[in-house]
Amino acid sequence: LNDEMLSDDGHSLFNARIDWKSADESYGISLIGENLTDEEYTASAINFLFPIGQPGRGRSVRLEFSYNFMD
């Protein structure tokens, strides 16, 4: 059921990713940013005796390295 106590305004998230791979594609690096504008929003909510909401994740940036063992 729709519950006004659990309603949330709409929101938009801005994510970005940049990838680089070596010429032989044996290794790579990725720079990933999620929720770059640090939007505050409710990820999920439930009304069981009283309303409970879980906030969405804040801004995060990470660097990933990959290596291909199969070649």
C-alpha atoms as a PDB file:
ATOM      1  CA  LEU A   1       0.000   0.000   0.000  1.00  0.00           C
ATOM      2  CA  ASN A   2       1.120   3.557  -0.598  1.00  0.00           C
ATOM      3  CA  ASP A   3       1.837   5.264   2.718  1.00  0.00           C
ATOM      4  CA  GLU A   4       2.398   9.027   2.800  1.00  0.00           C
ATOM      5  CA  MET A   5       4.684   8.634   5.839  1.00  0.00           C
ATOM      6  CA  LEU A   6       7.038   6.607   3.655  1.00  0.00           C
ATOM      7  CA  SER A   7       6.858   8.760   0.530  1.00  0.00           C
ATOM      8  CA  ASP A   8       9.970  10.496  -0.736  1.00  0.00           C
ATOM      9  CA  ASP A   9      10.579  13.206  -3.302  1.00  0.00           C
ATOM     10  CA  GLY A  10      12.112  12.025  -6.528  1.00  0.00           C
ATOM     11  CA  HIS A  11      15.876  12.053  -6.799  1.00  0.00           C
ATOM     12  CA  SER A  12      18.600  11.607  -9.397  1.00  0.00           C
ATOM     13  CA  LEU A  13      22.044  10.146  -8.870  1.00  0.00           C
ATOM     14  CA  PHE A  14      25.110  11.124 -10.899  1.00  0.00           C
ATOM     15  CA  ASN A  15      27.593   8.272 -11.366  1.00  0.00           C
ATOM     16  CA  ALA A  16      30.703   8.122 -13.556  1.00  0.00           C
ATOM     17  CA  ARG A  17      33.285   5.521 -14.575  1.00  0.00           C
ATOM     18  CA  ILE A  18      36.559   5.759 -16.492  1.00  0.00           C
ATOM     19  CA  ASP A  19      38.299   2.545 -17.623  1.00  0.00           C
ATOM     20  CA  TRP A  20      41.772   1.969 -19.052  1.00  0.00           C
ATOM     21  CA  LYS A  21      43.175  -1.353 -20.317  1.00  0.00           C
ATOM     22  CA  SER A  22      46.684  -2.251 -21.415  1.00  0.00           C
ATOM     23  CA  ALA A  23      47.319  -2.934 -25.120  1.00  0.00           C
ATOM     24  CA  ASP A  24      47.293  -6.709 -24.547  1.00  0.00           C
ATOM     25  CA  GLU A  25      44.300  -6.359 -22.160  1.00  0.00           C
ATOM     26  CA  SER A  26      46.133  -8.274 -19.414  1.00  0.00           C
ATOM     27  CA  TYR A  27      45.525  -5.573 -16.811  1.00  0.00           C
ATOM     28  CA  GLY A  28      43.405  -2.478 -16.325  1.00  0.00           C
ATOM     29  CA  ILE A  29      42.485   0.376 -13.991  1.00  0.00           C
ATOM     30  CA  SER A  30      39.029   1.853 -13.337  1.00  0.00           C
ATOM     31  CA  LEU A  31      38.062   5.039 -11.504  1.00  0.00           C
ATOM     32  CA  ILE A  32      34.448   4.872 -10.305  1.00  0.00           C
ATOM     33  CA  GLY A  33      32.372   7.590  -8.659  1.00  0.00           C
ATOM     34  CA  GLU A  34      28.850   7.028  -7.311  1.00  0.00           C
ATOM     35  CA  ASN A  35      26.360   9.642  -6.080  1.00  0.00           C
ATOM     36  CA  LEU A  36      28.893  12.335  -6.943  1.00  0.00           C
ATOM     37  CA  THR A  37      26.499  15.160  -6.001  1.00  0.00           C
ATOM     38  CA  ASP A  38      26.057  13.568  -2.535  1.00  0.00           C
ATOM     39  CA  GLU A  39      22.265  13.429  -2.903  1.00  0.00           C
ATOM     40  CA  GLU A  40      20.400  12.526   0.305  1.00  0.00           C
ATOM     41  CA  TYR A  41      17.587  10.036  -0.320  1.00  0.00           C
ATOM     42  CA  THR A  42      15.797   7.088   1.232  1.00  0.00           C
ATOM     43  CA  ALA A  43      16.901   3.774  -0.263  1.00  0.00           C
ATOM     44  CA  SER A  44      14.117   1.703   1.315  1.00  0.00           C
ATOM     45  CA  ALA A  45      11.372   2.104   3.885  1.00  0.00           C
ATOM     46  CA  ILE A  46       8.763   0.035   5.706  1.00  0.00           C
ATOM     47  CA  ASN A  47       5.929   0.834   8.105  1.00  0.00           C
ATOM     48  CA  PHE A  48       5.764  -1.948  10.692  1.00  0.00           C
ATOM     49  CA  LEU A  49       4.316  -0.496  13.908  1.00  0.00           C
ATOM     50  CA  PHE A  50       6.194   2.736  13.038  1.00  0.00           C
ATOM     51  CA  PRO A  51       7.917   3.989   9.868  1.00  0.00           C
ATOM     52  CA  ILE A  52      11.543   2.942   9.394  1.00  0.00           C
ATOM     53  CA  GLY A  53      13.726   4.155   6.529  1.00  0.00           C
ATOM     54  CA  GLN A  54      17.207   3.301   5.358  1.00  0.00           C
ATOM     55  CA  PRO A  55      19.182   6.207   3.906  1.00  0.00           C
ATOM     56  CA  GLY A  56      20.874   5.821   0.534  1.00  0.00           C
ATOM     57  CA  ARG A  57      24.633   5.656   0.230  1.00  0.00           C
ATOM     58  CA  GLY A  58      26.481   8.947   0.162  1.00  0.00           C
ATOM     59  CA  ARG A  59      29.213   9.966  -2.270  1.00  0.00           C
ATOM     60  CA  SER A  60      31.827   7.304  -2.918  1.00  0.00           C
ATOM     61  CA  VAL A  61      34.887   7.187  -5.152  1.00  0.00           C
ATOM     62  CA  ARG A  62      37.046   4.111  -5.669  1.00  0.00           C
ATOM     63  CA  LEU A  63      39.915   2.885  -7.780  1.00  0.00           C
ATOM     64  CA  GLU A  64      39.877  -0.701  -9.052  1.00  0.00           C
ATOM     65  CA  PHE A  65      42.761  -2.708 -10.508  1.00  0.00           C
ATOM     66  CA  SER A  66      42.216  -5.820 -12.586  1.00  0.00           C
ATOM     67  CA  TYR A  67      44.527  -8.507 -13.924  1.00  0.00           C
ATOM     68  CA  ASN A  68      43.648 -11.245 -16.426  1.00  0.00           C
ATOM     69  CA  PHE A  69      45.165 -14.591 -15.315  1.00  0.00           C
ATOM     70  CA  MET A  70      43.753 -16.587 -18.251  1.00  0.00           C
ATOM     71  CA  ASP A  71      46.216 -15.560 -20.984  1.00  0.00           C
END
